[in-house]
């Protein structure tokens, strides 16, 4: 984003959010992966406590209180728009009215998928609707539809939760977006590309995480790449340029929403929150483009803005650490003066919003075990970690894996793990990780049974979409 110092990507409306609200410079997620993050956001709990440990597994609607019913009881009309990703394996998947919608009264979307240029969505029945416009653009219209319907009917305040798919692989987008950024002119972060580091990472993953089975190693998202083939600078530049274009489109849609709220005369009465579930490695630290689920800043550090100047002021930047995965639910409840349900593990960041008062000195990190499945579905060796203002530390069940001094190495280039000069701080961070696991009921062996109910692969889902869903879909503008 421009407001965060990126010299290339154009984000005038997110920059506006920074100018008119509060921008969090140290917002992280404890589990940078789609489904676990979504479960944490709606429960205020860590992934290991929500029972949602990995992608494609459903959340149990009876396991714990969730956000929407609490807001419903407080008089809010709740609406969900976009990709749900909490209903298990179906793709795109109709999420039926009832408990699986976790209390949202209005629902326009689908379970999971990335058909950005030829997407379908559902409303109250399993009748699919097909729109040939770029998915974020028509999802923005759906969000406005919900807000307008509540305001027009005088049904009280609204809570509209809009979930875009992009920026996210696959790089499907209109041609005008694909041409937006010249790959040769964008800036790459230090150490990128590094084909030797990618080779080392691939070899380590195969040897340690996959017990020597190269067929399980996740391959590059770049079309046509063979398993274990490294990415070239040209490929990384192209992927990054297209990723930036997706960001600019999301930014455009943020502008549409802000302008609509302003024209309706309710912008300053509405708290607008913008966040993301994860970033993208974009070739950094030996990881492939499209890779997330790791503790590095490129994956776990996310954009986060709150616009509500009447209460929290404008043009403010705060530096306190927050974990938006578990901290957002208790924060929203505090803003509205509502009680927290029992079992919430997050910490309200209202003190950060008000005067940048520290509410936590660390953000934890977890990657849960998933020992079954095919390439791209497994992560058999779990990870846990901790990020403080000064340090990032990650360990696996049987060994320390990463130690980085954030003060001298903010780009996270030098791994100091097991360096005798840092043995004391490594030991202290390791103890904090293990203590957190014990205090929150975490365990290295927690794992979901594979496959998820009604699971369908991406390839089979594409066939289903083409042969069965599109022919029965109602085409809409």
Protein backbone atom coordinates (compact mmCIF):
# COMPACT_ATOMS: atom_id res chain seq x y z
CA UNK A 1 0.00 0.00 0.00
CA UNK A 2 1.13 3.53 -0.61
CA UNK A 3 0.43 4.51 3.00
CA UNK A 4 2.71 1.73 4.23
CA UNK A 5 5.61 2.83 2.05
CA UNK A 6 5.29 0.60 -1.01
CA UNK A 7 6.63 2.69 -3.92
CA UNK A 8 4.73 0.84 -6.63
CA UNK A 9 1.20 -0.24 -5.75
CA UNK A 10 -1.53 2.40 -6.08
CA UNK A 11 -4.00 2.45 -3.15
CA UNK A 12 -5.61 5.91 -2.93
CA UNK A 13 -8.64 4.73 -0.96
CA UNK A 14 -6.72 2.69 1.58
CA UNK A 15 -4.51 5.75 1.89
CA UNK A 16 -7.73 7.65 2.56
CA UNK A 17 -8.57 5.13 5.30
CA UNK A 18 -5.21 5.92 6.87
CA UNK A 19 -5.81 9.67 6.61
CA UNK A 20 -9.34 9.51 8.02
CA UNK A 21 -8.92 6.74 10.59
CA UNK A 22 -6.41 4.66 12.53
CA UNK A 23 -3.73 2.64 10.72
CA UNK A 24 -2.14 -0.25 12.63
CA UNK A 25 1.52 -0.61 11.70
CA UNK A 26 2.00 -3.86 13.63
CA UNK A 27 -1.10 -5.92 12.90
CA UNK A 28 -0.39 -9.64 12.59
CA UNK A 29 -2.37 -12.86 12.41
CA UNK A 30 -1.59 -15.87 14.58
CA UNK A 31 -2.46 -18.35 11.81
CA UNK A 32 -1.94 -16.92 8.30
CA UNK A 33 -4.28 -19.28 6.48
CA UNK A 34 -7.80 -18.69 5.17
CA UNK A 35 -10.12 -21.01 7.12
CA UNK A 36 -8.41 -20.98 10.54
CA UNK A 37 -8.26 -17.18 10.42
CA UNK A 38 -11.97 -16.88 9.62
CA UNK A 39 -12.88 -19.16 12.49
CA UNK A 40 -10.75 -17.12 14.90
CA UNK A 41 -12.19 -13.83 13.69
CA UNK A 42 -15.76 -14.91 14.44
CA UNK A 43 -15.00 -16.61 17.77
CA UNK A 44 -12.14 -14.65 19.36
CA UNK A 45 -10.26 -17.92 19.86
CA UNK A 46 -7.04 -19.45 18.58
CA UNK A 47 -7.40 -21.99 15.80
CA UNK A 48 -6.52 -24.88 18.10
CA UNK A 49 -9.45 -23.85 20.32
CA UNK A 50 -11.99 -23.28 17.54
CA UNK A 51 -11.58 -26.84 16.26
CA UNK A 52 -10.69 -25.53 12.78
CA UNK A 53 -7.08 -26.48 12.21
CA UNK A 54 -6.67 -26.20 8.45
CA UNK A 55 -8.38 -25.23 5.21
CA UNK A 56 -11.51 -26.99 3.95
CA UNK A 57 -12.74 -28.18 7.36
CA UNK A 58 -16.11 -26.97 8.67
CA UNK A 59 -16.58 -25.04 11.86
CA UNK A 60 -18.88 -26.67 14.40
CA UNK A 61 -21.67 -24.11 14.92
CA UNK A 62 -22.45 -25.56 18.35
CA UNK A 63 -18.91 -25.57 19.71
CA UNK A 64 -18.70 -21.93 20.85
CA UNK A 65 -20.46 -18.56 20.66
CA UNK A 66 -19.84 -16.56 17.49
CA UNK A 67 -20.09 -12.89 16.64
CA UNK A 68 -23.23 -12.54 14.51
CA UNK A 69 -25.80 -13.89 17.02
CA UNK A 70 -24.50 -11.51 19.67
CA UNK A 71 -24.95 -8.59 17.29
CA UNK A 72 -28.38 -9.83 16.24
CA UNK A 73 -29.47 -9.83 19.88
CA UNK A 74 -28.18 -6.26 20.22
CA UNK A 75 -30.41 -5.08 17.38
CA UNK A 76 -27.98 -5.22 14.48
CA UNK A 77 -28.98 -6.65 11.11
CA UNK A 78 -26.08 -8.91 10.12
CA UNK A 79 -25.07 -9.69 6.56
CA UNK A 80 -22.34 -11.81 5.03
CA UNK A 81 -21.08 -11.33 1.47
CA UNK A 82 -18.51 -13.39 -0.45
CA UNK A 83 -16.31 -16.37 0.23
CA UNK A 84 -17.31 -18.20 3.45
CA UNK A 85 -14.74 -21.03 3.67
CA UNK A 86 -16.20 -22.41 6.92
CA UNK A 87 -18.50 -25.11 5.50
CA UNK A 88 -15.93 -27.81 4.85
CA UNK A 89 -15.16 -29.36 1.48
CA UNK A 90 -17.90 -28.28 -0.98
CA UNK A 91 -16.67 -26.03 -3.80
CA UNK A 92 -18.12 -23.60 -4.68
CA UNK A 93 -20.71 -24.92 -2.25
CA UNK A 94 -24.14 -23.68 -1.18
CA UNK A 95 -24.17 -22.80 2.52
CA UNK A 96 -27.77 -23.49 3.59
CA UNK A 97 -29.71 -21.15 5.88
CA UNK A 98 -29.48 -22.25 9.49
CA UNK A 99 -26.67 -22.93 11.92
CA UNK A 100 -23.94 -23.30 9.28
CA UNK A 101 -24.26 -19.58 8.53
CA UNK A 102 -23.30 -18.85 12.15
CA UNK A 103 -26.20 -16.50 12.74
CA UNK A 104 -25.85 -14.16 9.76
CA UNK A 105 -29.34 -13.05 8.80
CA UNK A 106 -28.48 -12.08 5.21
CA UNK A 107 -26.10 -14.25 3.21
CA UNK A 108 -24.96 -13.87 -0.41
CA UNK A 109 -21.96 -15.96 -1.32
CA UNK A 110 -20.53 -19.46 -1.54
CA UNK A 111 -18.33 -21.74 0.50
CA UNK A 112 -14.97 -21.72 -1.25
CA UNK A 113 -13.33 -21.19 -4.62
CA UNK A 114 -11.36 -18.76 -6.77
CA UNK A 115 -13.31 -18.42 -10.03
CA UNK A 116 -12.87 -14.66 -10.00
CA UNK A 117 -13.77 -14.12 -13.65
CA UNK A 118 -16.72 -16.52 -13.89
CA UNK A 119 -18.01 -16.82 -10.36
CA UNK A 120 -21.26 -18.11 -8.97
CA UNK A 121 -23.01 -17.27 -5.74
CA UNK A 122 -26.07 -18.37 -3.81
CA UNK A 123 -28.76 -16.67 -1.77
CA UNK A 124 -31.46 -18.49 0.21
CA UNK A 125 -31.65 -21.63 -1.97
CA UNK A 126 -29.21 -23.83 -3.86
CA UNK A 127 -30.10 -22.03 -7.10
CA UNK A 128 -26.75 -20.69 -8.40
CA UNK A 129 -26.38 -17.22 -9.87
CA UNK A 130 -23.61 -16.48 -12.34
CA UNK A 131 -21.97 -13.12 -12.91
CA UNK A 132 -19.32 -12.53 -15.58
CA UNK A 133 -18.01 -9.35 -13.95
CA UNK A 134 -14.87 -9.43 -11.84
CA UNK A 135 -15.88 -10.98 -8.55
CA UNK A 136 -14.87 -8.21 -6.10
CA UNK A 137 -16.80 -5.66 -8.17
CA UNK A 138 -20.14 -7.44 -7.94
CA UNK A 139 -19.54 -8.47 -4.33
CA UNK A 140 -19.22 -4.79 -3.48
CA UNK A 141 -22.65 -4.29 -5.05
CA UNK A 142 -23.99 -7.11 -2.87
CA UNK A 143 -22.61 -5.41 0.25
CA UNK A 144 -24.26 -2.13 -0.73
CA UNK A 145 -27.49 -4.04 -1.38
CA UNK A 146 -27.46 -5.29 2.21
CA UNK A 147 -26.67 -1.94 3.78
CA UNK A 148 -29.24 -0.14 1.63
CA UNK A 149 -31.96 -2.65 2.43
CA UNK A 150 -31.43 -2.22 6.17
CA UNK A 151 -31.36 1.57 5.96
CA UNK A 152 -34.36 1.76 3.63
CA UNK A 153 -36.45 -0.51 5.84
CA UNK A 154 -35.46 1.29 9.02
CA UNK A 155 -34.44 -2.03 10.56
CA UNK A 156 -31.78 -0.55 12.79
CA UNK A 157 -27.99 -0.54 12.46
CA UNK A 158 -26.21 -2.99 10.17
CA UNK A 159 -23.14 -5.20 10.41
CA UNK A 160 -21.96 -6.08 6.91
CA UNK A 161 -19.04 -8.51 6.58
CA UNK A 162 -17.62 -8.49 3.04
CA UNK A 163 -14.97 -11.06 2.11
CA UNK A 164 -13.14 -10.68 -1.19
CA UNK A 165 -11.11 -13.53 -2.65
CA UNK A 166 -8.31 -11.43 -4.24
CA UNK A 167 -5.52 -10.68 -3.78
CA UNK A 168 -4.98 -14.41 -3.94
CA UNK A 169 -3.82 -17.01 -6.44
CA UNK A 170 -4.96 -17.89 -9.14
CA UNK A 171 -4.14 -14.70 -11.01
CA UNK A 172 -7.46 -14.40 -12.80
CA UNK A 173 -8.41 -10.80 -13.59
CA UNK A 174 -9.58 -8.49 -16.37
CA UNK A 175 -6.96 -7.53 -18.95
CA UNK A 176 -6.96 -3.89 -17.82
CA UNK A 177 -5.78 -5.00 -14.39
CA UNK A 178 -3.16 -7.33 -15.81
CA UNK A 179 -1.70 -4.37 -17.70
CA UNK A 180 -1.76 -2.04 -14.69
CA UNK A 181 1.81 -2.66 -13.48
CA UNK A 182 4.94 -3.23 -15.54
CA UNK A 183 6.76 -6.23 -14.02
CA UNK A 184 10.12 -4.74 -14.99
CA UNK A 185 9.50 -1.55 -13.05
CA UNK A 186 8.32 -2.86 -9.69
CA UNK A 187 10.67 -3.13 -6.74
CA UNK A 188 11.43 -6.52 -5.23
CA UNK A 189 12.30 -6.89 -1.54
CA UNK A 190 15.89 -7.59 -0.46
CA UNK A 191 16.98 -11.16 -1.12
CA UNK A 192 14.39 -11.76 -3.85
CA UNK A 193 14.82 -13.68 -6.04
CA UNK A 194 17.20 -16.22 -4.52
CA UNK A 195 17.03 -19.51 -6.46
CA UNK A 196 19.64 -21.13 -4.21
CA UNK A 197 17.53 -20.36 -1.14
CA UNK A 198 14.45 -21.81 -2.87
CA UNK A 199 16.41 -24.98 -3.61
CA UNK A 200 17.54 -25.22 0.02
CA UNK A 201 13.99 -24.68 1.27
CA UNK A 202 12.61 -27.32 -1.09
CA UNK A 203 15.27 -29.82 0.00
CA UNK A 204 14.62 -29.11 3.70
CA UNK A 205 10.84 -29.45 3.30
CA UNK A 206 11.18 -32.77 1.47
CA UNK A 207 13.69 -34.18 3.94
CA UNK A 208 12.06 -33.00 7.16
CA UNK A 209 8.36 -32.31 6.57
CA UNK A 210 7.70 -35.00 3.98
CA UNK A 211 10.16 -37.69 5.09
CA UNK A 212 11.92 -37.70 1.74
CA UNK A 213 8.80 -37.95 -0.44
CA UNK A 214 9.23 -35.26 -3.12
CA UNK A 215 5.78 -36.00 -4.53
CA UNK A 216 4.25 -34.28 -1.50
CA UNK A 217 6.23 -31.04 -1.80
CA UNK A 218 3.97 -28.14 -2.71
CA UNK A 219 5.03 -26.76 -6.07
CA UNK A 220 5.12 -23.24 -7.44
CA UNK A 221 1.82 -21.60 -8.40
CA UNK A 222 3.43 -20.32 -11.61
CA UNK A 223 1.67 -22.08 -14.55
CA UNK A 224 3.71 -24.82 -16.15
CA UNK A 225 6.23 -25.26 -13.34
CA UNK A 226 7.36 -28.77 -12.56
CA UNK A 227 7.45 -30.04 -8.97
CA UNK A 228 10.52 -28.75 -7.12
CA UNK A 229 11.33 -26.28 -9.91
CA UNK A 230 12.49 -22.88 -8.66
CA UNK A 231 11.01 -19.60 -9.81
CA UNK A 232 12.85 -17.13 -12.03
CA UNK A 233 13.05 -13.41 -11.41
CA UNK A 234 10.85 -12.81 -14.47
CA UNK A 235 8.17 -15.11 -13.06
CA UNK A 236 8.28 -13.53 -9.61
CA UNK A 237 8.03 -10.06 -11.11
CA UNK A 238 5.01 -11.01 -13.22
CA UNK A 239 3.23 -12.67 -10.29
CA UNK A 240 3.95 -9.69 -8.03
CA UNK A 241 2.74 -7.17 -10.63
CA UNK A 242 -0.53 -9.08 -10.99
CA UNK A 243 -0.86 -9.38 -7.22
CA UNK A 244 -0.47 -5.60 -6.97
CA UNK A 245 -3.18 -5.18 -9.59
CA UNK A 246 -5.53 -7.26 -7.46
CA UNK A 247 -4.73 -5.02 -4.50
CA UNK A 248 -5.52 -1.93 -6.56
CA UNK A 249 -8.88 -3.42 -7.52
CA UNK A 250 -9.73 -4.11 -3.87
CA UNK A 251 -8.67 -0.54 -3.12
CA UNK A 252 -11.05 0.71 -5.83
CA UNK A 253 -13.90 -1.21 -4.24
CA UNK A 254 -13.06 0.20 -0.81
CA UNK A 255 -13.49 3.60 -2.45
CA UNK A 256 -16.88 2.58 -3.85
CA UNK A 257 -18.02 1.58 -0.37
CA UNK A 258 -16.72 4.74 1.31
CA UNK A 259 -18.32 6.97 -1.31
CA UNK A 260 -21.64 5.12 -1.04
CA UNK A 261 -21.69 5.49 2.74
CA UNK A 262 -20.80 9.16 2.38
CA UNK A 263 -23.55 9.79 -0.16
CA UNK A 264 -26.09 8.09 2.12
CA UNK A 265 -25.00 10.39 4.92
CA UNK A 266 -23.94 7.58 7.26
CA UNK A 267 -20.16 7.39 6.76
CA UNK A 268 -19.23 9.11 10.00
CA UNK A 269 -21.79 7.06 11.92
CA UNK A 270 -20.29 3.82 10.59
CA UNK A 271 -17.18 2.07 11.84
CA UNK A 272 -15.32 0.80 8.77
CA UNK A 273 -12.75 -1.93 9.40
CA UNK A 274 -10.38 -3.19 6.70
CA UNK A 275 -8.22 -6.26 7.28
CA UNK A 276 -6.78 -9.36 5.62
CA UNK A 277 -6.36 -12.98 6.65
CA UNK A 278 -2.79 -13.31 5.37
CA UNK A 279 -0.23 -11.89 2.98
CA UNK A 280 1.83 -13.61 0.29
CA UNK A 281 5.49 -14.60 0.28
CA UNK A 282 5.95 -13.48 -3.37
CA UNK A 283 9.20 -15.41 -3.66
CA UNK A 284 10.73 -14.17 -0.40
CA UNK A 285 12.76 -16.34 2.00
CA UNK A 286 12.90 -19.20 -0.49
CA UNK A 287 9.11 -19.61 -0.57
CA UNK A 288 7.11 -19.73 -3.75
CA UNK A 289 4.75 -17.05 -4.96
CA UNK A 290 1.30 -17.79 -3.57
CA UNK A 291 2.75 -19.30 -0.37
CA UNK A 292 1.40 -18.22 3.01
CA UNK A 293 1.09 -20.34 6.24
CA UNK A 294 4.42 -19.24 7.70
CA UNK A 295 5.52 -16.76 10.35
CA UNK A 296 7.55 -14.41 8.19
CA UNK A 297 6.37 -10.82 7.99
CA UNK A 298 5.41 -11.17 4.29
CA UNK A 299 2.74 -13.70 5.26
CA UNK A 300 1.68 -12.81 8.81
CA UNK A 301 1.86 -9.00 8.73
CA UNK A 302 -1.42 -7.68 7.33
CA UNK A 303 -3.05 -4.34 6.48
CA UNK A 304 -5.42 -3.11 9.14
CA UNK A 305 -7.41 0.12 9.35
CA UNK A 306 -10.29 1.32 11.53
CA UNK A 307 -12.19 4.39 10.36
CA UNK A 308 -14.41 5.89 13.06
CA UNK A 309 -13.09 9.42 13.60
CA UNK A 310 -15.88 10.44 15.94
CA UNK A 311 -14.46 8.14 18.58
CA UNK A 312 -10.89 7.28 17.57
CA UNK A 313 -9.73 10.33 15.64
CA UNK A 314 -8.18 10.51 12.19
CA UNK A 315 -4.76 10.38 10.61
CA UNK A 316 -3.37 8.32 13.47
CA UNK A 317 -0.81 5.55 13.20
CA UNK A 318 -0.42 3.14 16.09
CA UNK A 319 2.50 0.83 16.67
CA UNK A 320 1.24 -1.57 19.34
CA UNK A 321 1.12 -5.24 18.40
CA UNK A 322 -2.31 -6.75 17.77
CA UNK A 323 -3.44 -10.17 16.61
CA UNK A 324 -6.45 -9.31 14.50
CA UNK A 325 -7.46 -12.97 14.25
CA UNK A 326 -8.36 -13.36 17.93
CA UNK A 327 -8.51 -9.71 19.04
CA UNK A 328 -11.13 -8.33 16.64
CA UNK A 329 -14.24 -9.98 18.09
CA UNK A 330 -13.67 -8.73 21.66
CA UNK A 331 -12.80 -5.30 20.28
CA UNK A 332 -16.03 -4.96 18.32
CA UNK A 333 -18.02 -6.07 21.36
CA UNK A 334 -16.23 -3.50 23.52
CA UNK A 335 -16.89 -0.70 21.03
CA UNK A 336 -20.59 -1.57 21.15
CA UNK A 337 -20.65 -1.99 24.92
CA UNK A 338 -21.56 -5.68 24.73
CA UNK A 339 -20.41 -8.44 27.05
CA UNK A 340 -17.85 -10.99 25.95
CA UNK A 341 -18.97 -14.63 25.88
CA UNK A 342 -17.00 -17.04 28.03
CA UNK A 343 -13.92 -18.58 26.49
CA UNK A 344 -12.68 -15.68 24.35
CA UNK A 345 -8.89 -15.77 24.14
CA UNK A 346 -8.26 -12.52 22.28
CA UNK A 347 -7.64 -9.12 23.85
CA UNK A 348 -9.63 -6.03 22.94
CA UNK A 349 -7.50 -3.44 21.18
CA UNK A 350 -9.80 -0.53 22.08
CA UNK A 351 -6.96 0.94 24.24
CA UNK A 352 -4.75 0.84 21.14
CA UNK A 353 -7.43 2.58 19.09
CA UNK A 354 -7.92 5.26 21.73
CA UNK A 355 -4.33 6.12 22.63
CA UNK A 356 -1.96 3.39 21.39
CA UNK A 357 -1.85 1.78 24.84
CA UNK A 358 -0.24 -1.66 24.70
CA UNK A 359 -2.66 -4.55 25.20
CA UNK A 360 -0.31 -7.41 24.33
CA UNK A 361 3.47 -7.68 24.10
CA UNK A 362 3.45 -10.60 21.66
CA UNK A 363 1.51 -12.26 18.89
CA UNK A 364 1.59 -16.04 18.91
CA UNK A 365 1.93 -18.15 15.76
CA UNK A 366 0.65 -21.61 14.93
CA UNK A 367 0.58 -24.02 12.01
CA UNK A 368 -1.40 -27.11 12.85
CA UNK A 369 -0.55 -30.68 11.89
CA UNK A 370 -2.13 -32.22 8.78
CA UNK A 371 -0.45 -35.53 7.99
CA UNK A 372 -2.87 -36.82 5.34
CA UNK A 373 -3.80 -35.67 1.85
CA UNK A 374 -1.93 -35.01 -1.36
CA UNK A 375 0.46 -32.30 -2.50
CA UNK A 376 -0.61 -28.90 -1.19
CA UNK A 377 -2.95 -30.39 1.40
CA UNK A 378 -0.39 -31.58 3.93
CA UNK A 379 1.68 -29.80 6.55
CA UNK A 380 2.62 -32.81 8.67
CA UNK A 381 5.18 -31.11 10.91
CA UNK A 382 3.36 -28.46 12.94
CA UNK A 383 4.91 -25.19 14.05
CA UNK A 384 4.42 -22.80 16.95
CA UNK A 385 6.04 -19.46 17.53
CA UNK A 386 5.98 -16.00 18.99
CA UNK A 387 6.55 -12.51 17.63
CA UNK A 388 7.45 -9.69 20.00
CA UNK A 389 8.45 -6.14 19.20
CA UNK A 390 12.08 -7.25 19.07
CA UNK A 391 12.09 -10.94 18.14
CA UNK A 392 10.51 -13.61 15.95
CA UNK A 393 10.92 -17.21 17.09
CA UNK A 394 9.48 -20.40 15.56
CA UNK A 395 9.89 -24.01 16.61
CA UNK A 396 8.74 -27.41 15.46
CA UNK A 397 7.94 -30.28 17.85
CA UNK A 398 11.53 -31.48 18.04
CA UNK A 399 13.67 -28.48 17.17
CA UNK A 400 13.97 -24.72 17.00
CA UNK A 401 13.59 -23.45 13.44
CA UNK A 402 13.81 -19.65 13.30
CA UNK A 403 15.13 -16.77 15.40
CA UNK A 404 15.26 -13.24 14.00
CA UNK A 405 16.26 -9.97 15.62
CA UNK A 406 13.55 -7.54 14.47
CA UNK A 407 15.54 -4.50 15.62
CA UNK A 408 18.60 -5.02 13.44
CA UNK A 409 16.97 -7.17 10.76
CA UNK A 410 13.42 -5.95 10.02
CA UNK A 411 13.46 -7.62 6.59
CA UNK A 412 14.09 -10.94 8.36
CA UNK A 413 17.09 -12.05 6.34
CA UNK A 414 19.33 -13.60 9.01
CA UNK A 415 18.30 -16.68 10.97
CA UNK A 416 20.07 -16.69 14.34
CA UNK A 417 18.55 -19.93 15.60
CA UNK A 418 20.89 -22.00 17.79
CA UNK A 419 23.57 -19.30 17.68
CA UNK A 420 25.24 -19.51 21.13
CA UNK A 421 25.29 -15.71 21.35
CA UNK A 422 21.48 -15.72 21.44
CA UNK A 423 20.91 -18.85 23.52
CA UNK A 424 19.38 -16.96 26.44
CA UNK A 425 16.74 -15.11 24.43
CA UNK A 426 15.98 -18.23 22.39
CA UNK A 427 15.40 -20.21 25.56
CA UNK A 428 13.14 -17.51 27.01
CA UNK A 429 11.04 -17.31 23.83
CA UNK A 430 10.83 -21.09 23.65
CA UNK A 431 9.50 -21.21 27.20
CA UNK A 432 6.85 -18.61 26.35
CA UNK A 433 5.68 -20.69 23.38
CA UNK A 434 5.38 -23.85 25.46
CA UNK A 435 3.69 -22.00 28.33
CA UNK A 436 1.13 -20.54 25.91
CA UNK A 437 0.41 -23.98 24.51
CA UNK A 438 -0.18 -25.35 28.00
CA UNK A 439 -2.33 -22.41 29.10
CA UNK A 440 -4.62 -22.53 26.04
CA UNK A 441 -5.02 -26.30 25.65
CA UNK A 442 -2.80 -26.57 22.58
CA UNK A 443 -1.00 -29.77 21.62
CA UNK A 444 1.44 -30.75 18.89
CA UNK A 445 -0.70 -33.72 17.83
CA UNK A 446 -3.98 -31.87 17.28
CA UNK A 447 -5.12 -32.78 13.78
CA UNK A 448 -8.29 -32.94 11.69
CA UNK A 449 -9.23 -36.27 10.06
CA UNK A 450 -8.64 -36.22 6.31
CA UNK A 451 -10.50 -35.82 4.01
CA UNK A 452 -13.02 -33.20 5.11
CA UNK A 453 -16.68 -34.06 4.58
CA UNK A 454 -17.76 -33.62 0.94
CA UNK A 455 -14.23 -32.57 -0.05
CA UNK A 456 -13.65 -31.90 -3.74
CA UNK A 457 -10.30 -31.09 -5.36
CA UNK A 458 -9.74 -27.88 -7.29
CA UNK A 459 -9.57 -29.82 -10.55
CA UNK A 460 -12.80 -31.70 -9.92
CA UNK A 461 -14.47 -28.51 -8.73
CA UNK A 462 -13.60 -26.79 -12.01
CA UNK A 463 -15.23 -29.65 -13.90
CA UNK A 464 -18.29 -29.50 -11.66
CA UNK A 465 -18.57 -25.75 -12.16
CA UNK A 466 -18.36 -26.04 -15.95
CA UNK A 467 -20.52 -29.11 -16.51
CA UNK A 468 -23.20 -28.91 -13.80
CA UNK A 469 -23.34 -25.55 -12.05
CA UNK A 470 -22.91 -23.06 -14.89
CA UNK A 471 -25.58 -24.71 -17.10
CA UNK A 472 -28.17 -24.38 -14.32
CA UNK A 473 -27.14 -20.93 -13.11
CA UNK A 474 -29.21 -17.79 -13.59
CA UNK A 475 -27.03 -15.18 -15.30
CA UNK A 476 -27.12 -11.77 -13.66
CA UNK A 477 -25.43 -8.44 -14.50
